Amino acid sequence: MSITLRRAMIWVVLIWWLIAGFICRASAGVSTPYKILLSAKNPIVWQQFGTWLMVTEDLPGKGRTCYYIDPVRKSRLTLKVPRPGAWQPLGSAIKWLMYIDKINGLDRLMAHDVDHQFVSIACPSSQKQVGCGMADTRCIFGQYRAFLAGDHYPVYLYCINMLGGTLTPFLISDSEKSQFAHDGNLIVYRAYYGPGDVRICGVYFNAPIEFTIAARNGIEPSVCGNLVAWAEINGAGWNIVGMDISTGEIRTIAYTAANPPSPEAGKGAIFWQDARNRARTGIDIYGYDWALKKEFPVSVLTGDQTKLRVCNDLITWSSGLLNYQILWAAKYSR
């Protein structure tokens, strides 16, 4: 092959690659929303495990139940029979469902045997415990320290390996930690160090060292890959803020009067609940493509779209009356 022909072929491949890249970028968008559940009772999506979503429902007169559901096939695996309360699941491993519940007036980490429907306190303590999350067989949870650090009680993180039940310290620091979220790799949370010092912090499941993501007074942080999202109060509403932790770039991407704003990081995009069309459609769902720096609507159906949760590229939300809600889903692609 001559040098001229080889150069011509290289240029053809390069041009084809650029065109293909442009087409892929131009075709980014949200799929047509589809229904996962009908007439659901306050459905809340907590986390995604493979193709399964962990969902709770509050059944009138019975209590909260928890199950896995495949959003496409609608297959369902019940993890827990209804139990009263607003307990919050952290995930499951082996045969255990881990969750946080109020027992005798104190928030506790609980372990539920899915096979035999047996419940026990996972880690006895006289201090309040808080939920963090799970990765594979490890359950990370927080426990309040018994004595003050300045004006607050620090939250230490611990790890229970459900494979053998081993309990080990995970992260010891003086911040009061709350509002946890994770993507299976990085845990993010709101950290209070003292008056005027509130941060968005993080810790990796495999590298338990607390680090500051942003020294800003944000709420409800969320993470997916390199993207972290949170909300900051702005007058009567909220700024939706995002950060690419691989570059350190922070952007204020939107303002919303919706309460809660529900900032959610997804695969390459950030999502939130929006009230700009409240008089016409109610609370809507919007998104922002980080690479394209472009905002787009996800759902502007009539009525409030709430309880937004994003798992990687799957967006879920609910609409309708509390005990007759529809759980929706849509896929985001770029």
C-alpha atoms as a PDB file:
ATOM      1  CA  MET A   1       0.000   0.000   0.000  1.00  0.00           C
ATOM      2  CA  SER A   2       1.351   3.378  -1.000  1.00  0.00           C
ATOM      3  CA  ILE A   3       1.926   6.142   1.518  1.00  0.00           C
ATOM      4  CA  THR A   4      -0.652   8.332  -0.260  1.00  0.00           C
ATOM      5  CA  LEU A   5      -3.341   5.613  -0.112  1.00  0.00           C
ATOM      6  CA  ARG A   6      -2.535   4.861   3.526  1.00  0.00           C
ATOM      7  CA  ARG A   7      -2.897   8.571   4.413  1.00  0.00           C
ATOM      8  CA  ALA A   8      -6.203   8.733   2.534  1.00  0.00           C
ATOM      9  CA  MET A   9      -7.554   5.739   4.479  1.00  0.00           C
ATOM     10  CA  ILE A  10      -6.462   7.299   7.788  1.00  0.00           C
ATOM     11  CA  TRP A  11      -8.334  10.493   6.895  1.00  0.00           C
ATOM     12  CA  VAL A  12     -11.462   8.492   5.974  1.00  0.00           C
ATOM     13  CA  VAL A  13     -11.388   6.669   9.318  1.00  0.00           C
ATOM     14  CA  LEU A  14     -10.791   9.913  11.202  1.00  0.00           C
ATOM     15  CA  ILE A  15     -13.677  11.704   9.463  1.00  0.00           C
ATOM     16  CA  TRP A  16     -15.984   8.712  10.048  1.00  0.00           C
ATOM     17  CA  TRP A  17     -15.036   8.712  13.743  1.00  0.00           C
ATOM     18  CA  LEU A  18     -15.787  12.431  14.065  1.00  0.00           C
ATOM     19  CA  ILE A  19     -19.169  12.048  12.319  1.00  0.00           C
ATOM     20  CA  ALA A  20     -20.070   9.047  14.462  1.00  0.00           C
ATOM     21  CA  GLY A  21     -19.123  10.962  17.574  1.00  0.00           C
ATOM     22  CA  PHE A  22     -21.270  13.907  16.495  1.00  0.00           C
ATOM     23  CA  ILE A  23     -24.231  11.621  15.810  1.00  0.00           C
ATOM     24  CA  CYS A  24     -23.881   9.971  19.223  1.00  0.00           C
ATOM     25  CA  ARG A  25     -23.725  13.363  20.949  1.00  0.00           C
ATOM     26  CA  ALA A  26     -26.655  14.697  18.957  1.00  0.00           C
ATOM     27  CA  SER A  27     -28.793  11.642  19.725  1.00  0.00           C
ATOM     28  CA  ALA A  28     -28.404  11.940  23.487  1.00  0.00           C
ATOM     29  CA  GLY A  29     -31.728  12.117  25.265  1.00  0.00           C
ATOM     30  CA  VAL A  30     -34.373  10.537  27.462  1.00  0.00           C
ATOM     31  CA  SER A  31     -36.436   7.540  26.439  1.00  0.00           C
ATOM     32  CA  THR A  32     -40.222   7.639  26.511  1.00  0.00           C
ATOM     33  CA  PRO A  33     -41.260   7.228  30.185  1.00  0.00           C
ATOM     34  CA  TYR A  34     -42.776   3.858  31.036  1.00  0.00           C
ATOM     35  CA  LYS A  35     -44.701   2.585  34.043  1.00  0.00           C
ATOM     36  CA  ILE A  36     -43.135   0.186  36.526  1.00  0.00           C
ATOM     37  CA  LEU A  37     -45.939   0.064  39.117  1.00  0.00           C
ATOM     38  CA  LEU A  38     -49.599   1.045  39.086  1.00  0.00           C
ATOM     39  CA  SER A  39     -51.728   1.942  42.140  1.00  0.00           C
ATOM     40  CA  ALA A  40     -48.633   1.755  44.336  1.00  0.00           C
ATOM     41  CA  LYS A  41     -48.692   2.915  47.968  1.00  0.00           C
ATOM     42  CA  ASN A  42     -45.996   5.563  48.399  1.00  0.00           C
ATOM     43  CA  PRO A  43     -43.323   3.689  46.392  1.00  0.00           C
ATOM     44  CA  ILE A  44     -39.736   4.771  47.083  1.00  0.00           C
ATOM     45  CA  VAL A  45     -36.794   3.580  45.002  1.00  0.00           C
ATOM     46  CA  TRP A  46     -33.690   3.277  47.185  1.00  0.00           C
ATOM     47  CA  GLN A  47     -30.978   1.674  45.101  1.00  0.00           C
ATOM     48  CA  GLN A  48     -30.218  -0.433  42.033  1.00  0.00           C
ATOM     49  CA  PHE A  49     -28.573  -3.863  42.231  1.00  0.00           C
ATOM     50  CA  GLY A  50     -27.779  -5.107  38.744  1.00  0.00           C
ATOM     51  CA  THR A  51     -31.092  -5.152  36.859  1.00  0.00           C
ATOM     52  CA  TRP A  52     -33.092  -4.958  40.107  1.00  0.00           C
ATOM     53  CA  LEU A  53     -34.408  -1.919  41.937  1.00  0.00           C
ATOM     54  CA  MET A  54     -34.857  -1.963  45.715  1.00  0.00           C
ATOM     55  CA  VAL A  55     -38.296  -0.476  46.406  1.00  0.00           C
ATOM     56  CA  THR A  56     -40.413   0.070  49.519  1.00  0.00           C
ATOM     57  CA  GLU A  57     -44.172   0.549  49.692  1.00  0.00           C
ATOM     58  CA  ASP A  58     -46.253   1.711  52.665  1.00  0.00           C
ATOM     59  CA  LEU A  59     -49.293  -0.553  52.729  1.00  0.00           C
ATOM     60  CA  PRO A  60     -52.266   0.983  54.596  1.00  0.00           C
ATOM     61  CA  GLY A  61     -52.880  -0.752  57.892  1.00  0.00           C
ATOM     62  CA  LYS A  62     -49.944  -3.136  57.390  1.00  0.00           C
ATOM     63  CA  GLY A  63     -46.725  -1.130  57.267  1.00  0.00           C
ATOM     64  CA  ARG A  64     -43.749  -0.764  54.968  1.00  0.00           C
ATOM     65  CA  THR A  65     -42.678  -3.666  52.782  1.00  0.00           C
ATOM     66  CA  CYS A  66     -39.470  -4.009  50.769  1.00  0.00           C
ATOM     67  CA  TYR A  67     -38.808  -5.881  47.555  1.00  0.00           C
ATOM     68  CA  TYR A  68     -36.632  -6.095  44.475  1.00  0.00           C
ATOM     69  CA  ILE A  69     -38.309  -5.430  41.143  1.00  0.00           C
ATOM     70  CA  ASP A  70     -37.043  -5.648  37.580  1.00  0.00           C
ATOM     71  CA  PRO A  71     -38.298  -2.417  35.939  1.00  0.00           C
ATOM     72  CA  VAL A  72     -38.601  -4.077  32.516  1.00  0.00           C
ATOM     73  CA  ARG A  73     -39.833  -7.614  33.229  1.00  0.00           C
ATOM     74  CA  LYS A  74     -41.769  -6.534  36.369  1.00  0.00           C
ATOM     75  CA  SER A  75     -40.457  -9.600  38.215  1.00  0.00           C
ATOM     76  CA  ARG A  76     -40.579  -9.146  41.979  1.00  0.00           C
ATOM     77  CA  LEU A  77     -38.720 -10.655  44.924  1.00  0.00           C
ATOM     78  CA  THR A  78     -40.097  -9.786  48.355  1.00  0.00           C
ATOM     79  CA  LEU A  79     -37.391  -9.135  50.937  1.00  0.00           C
ATOM     80  CA  LYS A  80     -39.502  -8.116  53.911  1.00  0.00           C
ATOM     81  CA  VAL A  81     -43.103  -8.541  54.970  1.00  0.00           C
ATOM     82  CA  PRO A  82     -44.830  -5.282  55.990  1.00  0.00           C
ATOM     83  CA  ARG A  83     -43.516  -3.751  59.201  1.00  0.00           C
ATOM     84  CA  PRO A  84     -44.801  -0.475  60.721  1.00  0.00           C
ATOM     85  CA  GLY A  85     -42.597   2.596  60.600  1.00  0.00           C
ATOM     86  CA  ALA A  86     -40.616   4.646  58.117  1.00  0.00           C
ATOM     87  CA  TRP A  87     -37.527   2.425  58.300  1.00  0.00           C
ATOM     88  CA  GLN A  88     -34.965   2.870  55.533  1.00  0.00           C
ATOM     89  CA  PRO A  89     -33.258  -0.061  53.772  1.00  0.00           C
ATOM     90  CA  LEU A  90     -29.521   0.075  53.129  1.00  0.00           C
ATOM     91  CA  GLY A  91     -29.219  -2.989  50.896  1.00  0.00           C
ATOM     92  CA  SER A  92     -28.964  -6.748  51.130  1.00  0.00           C
ATOM     93  CA  ALA A  93     -26.239  -9.372  51.136  1.00  0.00           C
ATOM     94  CA  ILE A  94     -26.324 -13.156  51.508  1.00  0.00           C
ATOM     95  CA  LYS A  95     -29.745 -13.603  53.157  1.00  0.00           C
ATOM     96  CA  TRP A  96     -29.758 -10.349  55.122  1.00  0.00           C
ATOM     97  CA  LEU A  97     -31.652  -7.132  54.475  1.00  0.00           C
ATOM     98  CA  MET A  98     -30.032  -4.273  56.394  1.00  0.00           C
ATOM     99  CA  TYR A  99     -32.028  -1.219  57.403  1.00  0.00           C
ATOM    100  CA  ILE A 100     -32.309   1.616  59.918  1.00  0.00           C
ATOM    101  CA  ASP A 101     -35.346   1.637  62.222  1.00  0.00           C
ATOM    102  CA  LYS A 102     -36.393   3.349  65.439  1.00  0.00           C
ATOM    103  CA  ILE A 103     -36.414   0.795  68.267  1.00  0.00           C
ATOM    104  CA  ASN A 104     -37.393   1.936  71.776  1.00  0.00           C
ATOM    105  CA  GLY A 105     -36.905   5.562  70.734  1.00  0.00           C
ATOM    106  CA  LEU A 106     -33.394   5.038  69.341  1.00  0.00           C
ATOM    107  CA  ASP A 107     -32.372   4.743  65.672  1.00  0.00           C
ATOM    108  CA  ARG A 108     -30.825   1.294  65.178  1.00  0.00           C
ATOM    109  CA  LEU A 109     -29.097  -0.714  62.484  1.00  0.00           C
ATOM    110  CA  MET A 110     -31.244  -3.814  61.976  1.00  0.00           C
ATOM    111  CA  ALA A 111     -30.620  -7.128  60.234  1.00  0.00           C
ATOM    112  CA  HIS A 112     -33.558  -8.979  58.719  1.00  0.00           C
ATOM    113  CA  ASP A 113     -33.256 -12.667  57.799  1.00  0.00           C
ATOM    114  CA  VAL A 114     -35.041 -12.815  54.442  1.00  0.00           C
ATOM    115  CA  ASP A 115     -35.444 -16.605  54.547  1.00  0.00           C
ATOM    116  CA  HIS A 116     -37.009 -16.873  58.005  1.00  0.00           C
ATOM    117  CA  GLN A 117     -38.348 -13.310  58.430  1.00  0.00           C
ATOM    118  CA  PHE A 118     -36.356 -12.942  61.648  1.00  0.00           C
ATOM    119  CA  VAL A 119     -35.246  -9.490  62.832  1.00  0.00           C
ATOM    120  CA  SER A 120     -32.381  -8.592  65.159  1.00  0.00           C
ATOM    121  CA  ILE A 121     -30.333  -5.542  66.186  1.00  0.00           C
ATOM    122  CA  ALA A 122     -27.184  -5.782  64.079  1.00  0.00           C
ATOM    123  CA  CYS A 123     -24.882  -3.857  66.430  1.00  0.00           C
ATOM    124  CA  PRO A 124     -26.030  -3.198  70.015  1.00  0.00           C
ATOM    125  CA  SER A 125     -25.310   0.357  71.156  1.00  0.00           C
ATOM    126  CA  SER A 126     -26.621   3.022  73.503  1.00  0.00           C
ATOM    127  CA  GLN A 127     -25.964   5.656  70.821  1.00  0.00           C
ATOM    128  CA  LYS A 128     -28.064   6.586  67.792  1.00  0.00           C
ATOM    129  CA  GLN A 129     -27.062   4.889  64.546  1.00  0.00           C
ATOM    130  CA  VAL A 130     -27.548   6.166  60.997  1.00  0.00           C
ATOM    131  CA  GLY A 131     -27.684   4.552  57.595  1.00  0.00           C
ATOM    132  CA  CYS A 132     -24.869   4.773  55.096  1.00  0.00           C
ATOM    133  CA  GLY A 133     -24.951   2.000  52.502  1.00  0.00           C
ATOM    134  CA  MET A 134     -23.772  -1.381  51.277  1.00  0.00           C
ATOM    135  CA  ALA A 135     -21.230  -2.655  48.772  1.00  0.00           C
ATOM    136  CA  ASP A 136     -21.080  -6.396  48.059  1.00  0.00           C
ATOM    137  CA  THR A 137     -21.252  -8.060  51.516  1.00  0.00           C
ATOM    138  CA  ARG A 138     -20.160  -4.982  53.485  1.00  0.00           C
ATOM    139  CA  CYS A 139     -22.638  -2.790  55.323  1.00  0.00           C
ATOM    140  CA  ILE A 140     -21.324   0.645  56.322  1.00  0.00           C
ATOM    141  CA  PHE A 141     -23.227   2.516  59.020  1.00  0.00           C
ATOM    142  CA  GLY A 142     -22.689   5.507  61.272  1.00  0.00           C
ATOM    143  CA  GLN A 143     -22.860   5.718  65.049  1.00  0.00           C
ATOM    144  CA  TYR A 144     -22.954   8.902  67.112  1.00  0.00           C
ATOM    145  CA  ARG A 145     -20.127   9.397  69.569  1.00  0.00           C
ATOM    146  CA  ALA A 146     -21.100   9.710  73.240  1.00  0.00           C
ATOM    147  CA  PHE A 147     -19.201  12.974  73.866  1.00  0.00           C
ATOM    148  CA  LEU A 148     -19.099  16.323  72.108  1.00  0.00           C
ATOM    149  CA  ALA A 149     -16.560  17.780  69.708  1.00  0.00           C
ATOM    150  CA  GLY A 150     -17.236  21.493  70.161  1.00  0.00           C
ATOM    151  CA  ASP A 151     -20.966  21.971  69.603  1.00  0.00           C
ATOM    152  CA  HIS A 152     -21.801  18.617  67.989  1.00  0.00           C
ATOM    153  CA  TYR A 153     -21.576  14.855  68.386  1.00  0.00           C
ATOM    154  CA  PRO A 154     -19.323  13.309  65.732  1.00  0.00           C
ATOM    155  CA  VAL A 155     -20.522  10.314  63.734  1.00  0.00           C
ATOM    156  CA  TYR A 156     -18.034   7.459  63.356  1.00  0.00           C
ATOM    157  CA  LEU A 157     -18.448   4.941  60.535  1.00  0.00           C
ATOM    158  CA  TYR A 158     -18.224   1.175  61.033  1.00  0.00           C
ATOM    159  CA  CYS A 159     -18.326  -1.815  58.723  1.00  0.00           C
ATOM    160  CA  ILE A 160     -20.140  -5.125  59.190  1.00  0.00           C
ATOM    161  CA  ASN A 161     -19.156  -7.865  56.768  1.00  0.00           C
ATOM    162  CA  MET A 162     -22.319  -9.945  56.419  1.00  0.00           C
ATOM    163  CA  LEU A 163     -20.274 -12.894  55.165  1.00  0.00           C
ATOM    164  CA  GLY A 164     -18.994 -13.580  58.669  1.00  0.00           C
ATOM    165  CA  GLY A 165     -20.485 -10.855  60.826  1.00  0.00           C
ATOM    166  CA  THR A 166     -17.131  -9.167  61.539  1.00  0.00           C
ATOM    167  CA  LEU A 167     -17.445  -5.605  62.867  1.00  0.00           C
ATOM    168  CA  THR A 168     -14.555  -3.188  62.267  1.00  0.00           C
ATOM    169  CA  PRO A 169     -14.057   0.598  62.493  1.00  0.00           C
ATOM    170  CA  PHE A 170     -14.261   2.174  59.037  1.00  0.00           C
ATOM    171  CA  LEU A 171     -13.804   5.927  59.468  1.00  0.00           C
ATOM    172  CA  ILE A 172     -13.077   7.901  62.637  1.00  0.00           C
ATOM    173  CA  SER A 173     -13.358  11.681  62.264  1.00  0.00           C
ATOM    174  CA  ASP A 174     -14.872  14.627  64.134  1.00  0.00           C
ATOM    175  CA  SER A 175     -17.563  15.528  61.591  1.00  0.00           C
ATOM    176  CA  GLU A 176     -21.257  14.929  62.188  1.00  0.00           C
ATOM    177  CA  LYS A 177     -22.269  12.983  59.098  1.00  0.00           C
ATOM    178  CA  SER A 178     -25.758  12.834  57.571  1.00  0.00           C
ATOM    179  CA  GLN A 179     -27.645  12.560  54.270  1.00  0.00           C
ATOM    180  CA  PHE A 180     -25.606   9.674  52.869  1.00  0.00           C
ATOM    181  CA  ALA A 181     -25.613   8.485  49.262  1.00  0.00           C
ATOM    182  CA  HIS A 182     -23.291   6.200  47.297  1.00  0.00           C
ATOM    183  CA  ASP A 183     -22.786   4.555  43.924  1.00  0.00           C
ATOM    184  CA  GLY A 184     -21.145   1.349  45.162  1.00  0.00           C
ATOM    185  CA  ASN A 185     -17.712   2.958  45.024  1.00  0.00           C
ATOM    186  CA  LEU A 186     -17.842   6.381  46.686  1.00  0.00           C
ATOM    187  CA  ILE A 187     -19.935   7.390  49.703  1.00  0.00           C
ATOM    188  CA  VAL A 188     -20.888  11.079  49.868  1.00  0.00           C
ATOM    189  CA  TYR A 189     -22.525  12.927  52.750  1.00  0.00           C
ATOM    190  CA  ARG A 190     -23.134  16.247  54.455  1.00  0.00           C
ATOM    191  CA  ALA A 191     -20.456  16.870  57.100  1.00  0.00           C
ATOM    192  CA  TYR A 192     -20.833  19.373  59.935  1.00  0.00           C
ATOM    193  CA  TYR A 193     -17.551  20.353  61.601  1.00  0.00           C
ATOM    194  CA  GLY A 194     -18.779  23.358  63.577  1.00  0.00           C
ATOM    195  CA  PRO A 195     -20.476  26.764  63.199  1.00  0.00           C
ATOM    196  CA  GLY A 196     -19.933  28.063  59.681  1.00  0.00           C
ATOM    197  CA  ASP A 197     -18.113  24.906  58.598  1.00  0.00           C
ATOM    198  CA  VAL A 198     -20.425  22.583  56.673  1.00  0.00           C
ATOM    199  CA  ARG A 199     -19.040  20.579  53.754  1.00  0.00           C
ATOM    200  CA  ILE A 200     -19.853  17.938  51.203  1.00  0.00           C
ATOM    201  CA  CYS A 201     -17.448  15.123  52.034  1.00  0.00           C
ATOM    202  CA  GLY A 202     -16.720  11.654  50.755  1.00  0.00           C
ATOM    203  CA  VAL A 203     -15.040   8.360  51.525  1.00  0.00           C
ATOM    204  CA  TYR A 204     -14.342   5.447  49.192  1.00  0.00           C
ATOM    205  CA  PHE A 205     -15.501   1.963  50.174  1.00  0.00           C
ATOM    206  CA  ASN A 206     -11.977   0.665  49.530  1.00  0.00           C
ATOM    207  CA  ALA A 207     -10.037   3.657  50.910  1.00  0.00           C
ATOM    208  CA  PRO A 208     -11.585   4.788  54.214  1.00  0.00           C
ATOM    209  CA  ILE A 209     -10.113   8.296  54.417  1.00  0.00           C
ATOM    210  CA  GLU A 210     -12.508  11.228  54.705  1.00  0.00           C
ATOM    211  CA  PHE A 211     -11.909  14.007  52.188  1.00  0.00           C
ATOM    212  CA  THR A 212     -13.659  17.270  51.377  1.00  0.00           C
ATOM    213  CA  ILE A 213     -15.431  17.285  48.021  1.00  0.00           C
ATOM    214  CA  ALA A 214     -16.605  20.894  48.381  1.00  0.00           C
ATOM    215  CA  ALA A 215     -16.401  23.258  51.365  1.00  0.00           C
ATOM    216  CA  ARG A 216     -19.947  24.463  50.729  1.00  0.00           C
ATOM    217  CA  ASN A 217     -23.162  24.329  52.754  1.00  0.00           C
ATOM    218  CA  GLY A 218     -25.029  21.871  50.549  1.00  0.00           C
ATOM    219  CA  ILE A 219     -27.778  19.359  51.216  1.00  0.00           C
ATOM    220  CA  GLU A 220     -28.743  15.926  49.915  1.00  0.00           C
ATOM    221  CA  PRO A 221     -25.551  15.062  48.002  1.00  0.00           C
ATOM    222  CA  SER A 222     -25.665  12.343  45.350  1.00  0.00           C
ATOM    223  CA  VAL A 223     -22.922  10.603  43.372  1.00  0.00           C
ATOM    224  CA  CYS A 224     -22.522   8.629  40.156  1.00  0.00           C
ATOM    225  CA  GLY A 225     -19.021   8.022  38.839  1.00  0.00           C
ATOM    226  CA  ASN A 226     -17.184  11.341  38.625  1.00  0.00           C
ATOM    227  CA  LEU A 227     -20.311  13.454  39.111  1.00  0.00           C
ATOM    228  CA  VAL A 228     -21.496  14.689  42.510  1.00  0.00           C
ATOM    229  CA  ALA A 229     -24.669  16.769  42.852  1.00  0.00           C
ATOM    230  CA  TRP A 230     -26.180  18.676  45.752  1.00  0.00           C
ATOM    231  CA  ALA A 231     -28.494  21.641  46.477  1.00  0.00           C
ATOM    232  CA  GLU A 232     -27.721  24.975  48.141  1.00  0.00           C
ATOM    233  CA  ILE A 233     -30.338  27.322  49.539  1.00  0.00           C
ATOM    234  CA  ASN A 234     -30.957  30.463  47.488  1.00  0.00           C
ATOM    235  CA  GLY A 235     -33.723  32.740  48.781  1.00  0.00           C
ATOM    236  CA  ALA A 236     -37.028  30.885  48.635  1.00  0.00           C
ATOM    237  CA  GLY A 237     -35.560  28.075  46.540  1.00  0.00           C
ATOM    238  CA  TRP A 238     -32.445  26.078  45.783  1.00  0.00           C
ATOM    239  CA  ASN A 239     -29.477  26.140  43.460  1.00  0.00           C
ATOM    240  CA  ILE A 240     -28.667  22.765  41.929  1.00  0.00           C
ATOM    241  CA  VAL A 241     -24.892  22.364  41.993  1.00  0.00           C
ATOM    242  CA  GLY A 242     -22.718  19.765  40.312  1.00  0.00           C
ATOM    243  CA  MET A 243     -19.060  18.830  40.471  1.00  0.00           C
ATOM    244  CA  ASP A 244     -16.770  16.669  38.386  1.00  0.00           C
ATOM    245  CA  ILE A 245     -14.473  15.238  41.056  1.00  0.00           C
ATOM    246  CA  SER A 246     -11.948  14.142  38.420  1.00  0.00           C
ATOM    247  CA  THR A 247     -11.279  17.790  37.491  1.00  0.00           C
ATOM    248  CA  GLY A 248     -12.576  19.702  40.527  1.00  0.00           C
ATOM    249  CA  GLU A 249     -14.899  21.810  38.345  1.00  0.00           C
ATOM    250  CA  ILE A 250     -18.051  23.048  40.113  1.00  0.00           C
ATOM    251  CA  ARG A 251     -21.068  24.434  38.258  1.00  0.00           C
ATOM    252  CA  THR A 252     -24.347  25.924  39.413  1.00  0.00           C
ATOM    253  CA  ILE A 253     -26.564  24.380  36.775  1.00  0.00           C
ATOM    254  CA  ALA A 254     -30.115  25.336  37.753  1.00  0.00           C
ATOM    255  CA  TYR A 255     -32.422  27.057  40.218  1.00  0.00           C
ATOM    256  CA  THR A 256     -35.574  25.381  41.521  1.00  0.00           C
ATOM    257  CA  ALA A 257     -38.382  26.403  43.854  1.00  0.00           C
ATOM    258  CA  ALA A 258     -39.388  22.763  44.291  1.00  0.00           C
ATOM    259  CA  ASN A 259     -39.118  21.567  47.878  1.00  0.00           C
ATOM    260  CA  PRO A 260     -37.449  19.142  48.144  1.00  0.00           C
ATOM    261  CA  PRO A 261     -35.189  19.850  45.161  1.00  0.00           C
ATOM    262  CA  SER A 262     -33.962  16.225  45.115  1.00  0.00           C
ATOM    263  CA  PRO A 263     -30.619  16.660  43.301  1.00  0.00           C
ATOM    264  CA  GLU A 264     -29.540  13.356  41.734  1.00  0.00           C
ATOM    265  CA  ALA A 265     -26.312  12.507  39.930  1.00  0.00           C
ATOM    266  CA  GLY A 266     -26.614  10.042  37.063  1.00  0.00           C
ATOM    267  CA  LYS A 267     -24.415   8.674  34.305  1.00  0.00           C
ATOM    268  CA  GLY A 268     -23.071  11.836  32.681  1.00  0.00           C
ATOM    269  CA  ALA A 269     -25.979  13.992  33.827  1.00  0.00           C
ATOM    270  CA  ILE A 270     -27.578  15.616  36.883  1.00  0.00           C
ATOM    271  CA  PHE A 271     -31.309  15.641  37.595  1.00  0.00           C
ATOM    272  CA  TRP A 272     -33.661  17.507  39.937  1.00  0.00           C
ATOM    273  CA  GLN A 273     -37.307  18.316  40.727  1.00  0.00           C
ATOM    274  CA  ASP A 274     -38.367  21.592  39.142  1.00  0.00           C
ATOM    275  CA  ALA A 275     -41.248  24.016  39.764  1.00  0.00           C
ATOM    276  CA  ARG A 276     -40.877  26.428  36.814  1.00  0.00           C
ATOM    277  CA  ASN A 277     -44.130  25.153  35.255  1.00  0.00           C
ATOM    278  CA  ARG A 278     -45.986  24.625  38.541  1.00  0.00           C
ATOM    279  CA  ALA A 279     -49.107  26.571  37.479  1.00  0.00           C
ATOM    280  CA  ARG A 280     -49.410  24.507  34.300  1.00  0.00           C
ATOM    281  CA  THR A 281     -48.050  21.053  35.007  1.00  0.00           C
ATOM    282  CA  GLY A 282     -47.013  20.947  38.671  1.00  0.00           C
ATOM    283  CA  ILE A 283     -43.592  19.660  39.789  1.00  0.00           C
ATOM    284  CA  ASP A 284     -41.542  18.405  36.827  1.00  0.00           C
ATOM    285  CA  ILE A 285     -38.276  16.523  36.378  1.00  0.00           C
ATOM    286  CA  TYR A 286     -35.374  18.164  34.541  1.00  0.00           C
ATOM    287  CA  GLY A 287     -31.835  17.127  33.726  1.00  0.00           C
ATOM    288  CA  TYR A 288     -28.500  18.621  32.696  1.00  0.00           C
ATOM    289  CA  ASP A 289     -25.958  16.890  30.459  1.00  0.00           C
ATOM    290  CA  TRP A 290     -22.551  17.648  31.970  1.00  0.00           C
ATOM    291  CA  ALA A 291     -20.476  17.210  28.811  1.00  0.00           C
ATOM    292  CA  LEU A 292     -22.867  19.061  26.514  1.00  0.00           C
ATOM    293  CA  LYS A 293     -23.661  21.750  29.143  1.00  0.00           C
ATOM    294  CA  LYS A 294     -27.266  21.380  28.075  1.00  0.00           C
ATOM    295  CA  GLU A 295     -30.497  21.315  30.099  1.00  0.00           C
ATOM    296  CA  PHE A 296     -33.405  19.088  29.046  1.00  0.00           C
ATOM    297  CA  PRO A 297     -36.847  18.040  30.361  1.00  0.00           C
ATOM    298  CA  VAL A 298     -37.358  14.491  31.601  1.00  0.00           C
ATOM    299  CA  SER A 299     -41.038  14.589  32.557  1.00  0.00           C
ATOM    300  CA  VAL A 300     -43.444  17.526  32.252  1.00  0.00           C
ATOM    301  CA  LEU A 301     -46.647  15.503  32.566  1.00  0.00           C
ATOM    302  CA  THR A 302     -49.612  17.158  34.257  1.00  0.00           C
ATOM    303  CA  GLY A 303     -49.462  16.689  38.031  1.00  0.00           C
ATOM    304  CA  ASP A 304     -46.568  16.517  40.459  1.00  0.00           C
ATOM    305  CA  GLN A 305     -43.628  14.259  39.572  1.00  0.00           C
ATOM    306  CA  THR A 306     -41.867  13.530  42.880  1.00  0.00           C
ATOM    307  CA  LYS A 307     -39.578  11.129  44.755  1.00  0.00           C
ATOM    308  CA  LEU A 308     -36.944  11.391  42.038  1.00  0.00           C
ATOM    309  CA  ARG A 309     -34.226   8.756  42.155  1.00  0.00           C
ATOM    310  CA  VAL A 310     -31.506   8.153  39.573  1.00  0.00           C
ATOM    311  CA  CYS A 311     -29.519   4.925  39.380  1.00  0.00           C
ATOM    312  CA  ASN A 312     -26.760   5.214  36.798  1.00  0.00           C
ATOM    313  CA  ASP A 313     -28.743   5.874  33.576  1.00  0.00           C
ATOM    314  CA  LEU A 314     -32.173   4.922  34.950  1.00  0.00           C
ATOM    315  CA  ILE A 315     -34.414   7.765  36.161  1.00  0.00           C
ATOM    316  CA  THR A 316     -37.422   6.948  38.367  1.00  0.00           C
ATOM    317  CA  TRP A 317     -40.157   9.087  39.918  1.00  0.00           C
ATOM    318  CA  SER A 318     -43.747   8.882  41.160  1.00  0.00           C
ATOM    319  CA  SER A 319     -46.976  10.672  40.306  1.00  0.00           C
ATOM    320  CA  GLY A 320     -50.547  10.574  41.559  1.00  0.00           C
ATOM    321  CA  LEU A 321     -52.246  10.333  44.944  1.00  0.00           C
ATOM    322  CA  LEU A 322     -50.216   8.878  47.825  1.00  0.00           C
ATOM    323  CA  ASN A 323     -51.964   5.486  47.901  1.00  0.00           C
ATOM    324  CA  TYR A 324     -52.601   5.263  44.149  1.00  0.00           C
ATOM    325  CA  GLN A 325     -49.307   6.313  42.656  1.00  0.00           C
ATOM    326  CA  ILE A 326     -47.632   5.355  39.421  1.00  0.00           C
ATOM    327  CA  LEU A 327     -43.910   4.598  39.573  1.00  0.00           C
ATOM    328  CA  TRP A 328     -42.317   5.763  36.321  1.00  0.00           C
ATOM    329  CA  ALA A 329     -38.948   5.157  34.715  1.00  0.00           C
ATOM    330  CA  ALA A 330     -36.978   6.481  31.768  1.00  0.00           C
ATOM    331  CA  LYS A 331     -33.493   5.800  30.441  1.00  0.00           C
ATOM    332  CA  TYR A 332     -30.968   8.518  29.704  1.00  0.00           C
ATOM    333  CA  SER A 333     -28.413   7.996  26.942  1.00  0.00           C
ATOM    334  CA  ARG A 334     -25.746  10.090  25.265  1.00  0.00           C
END
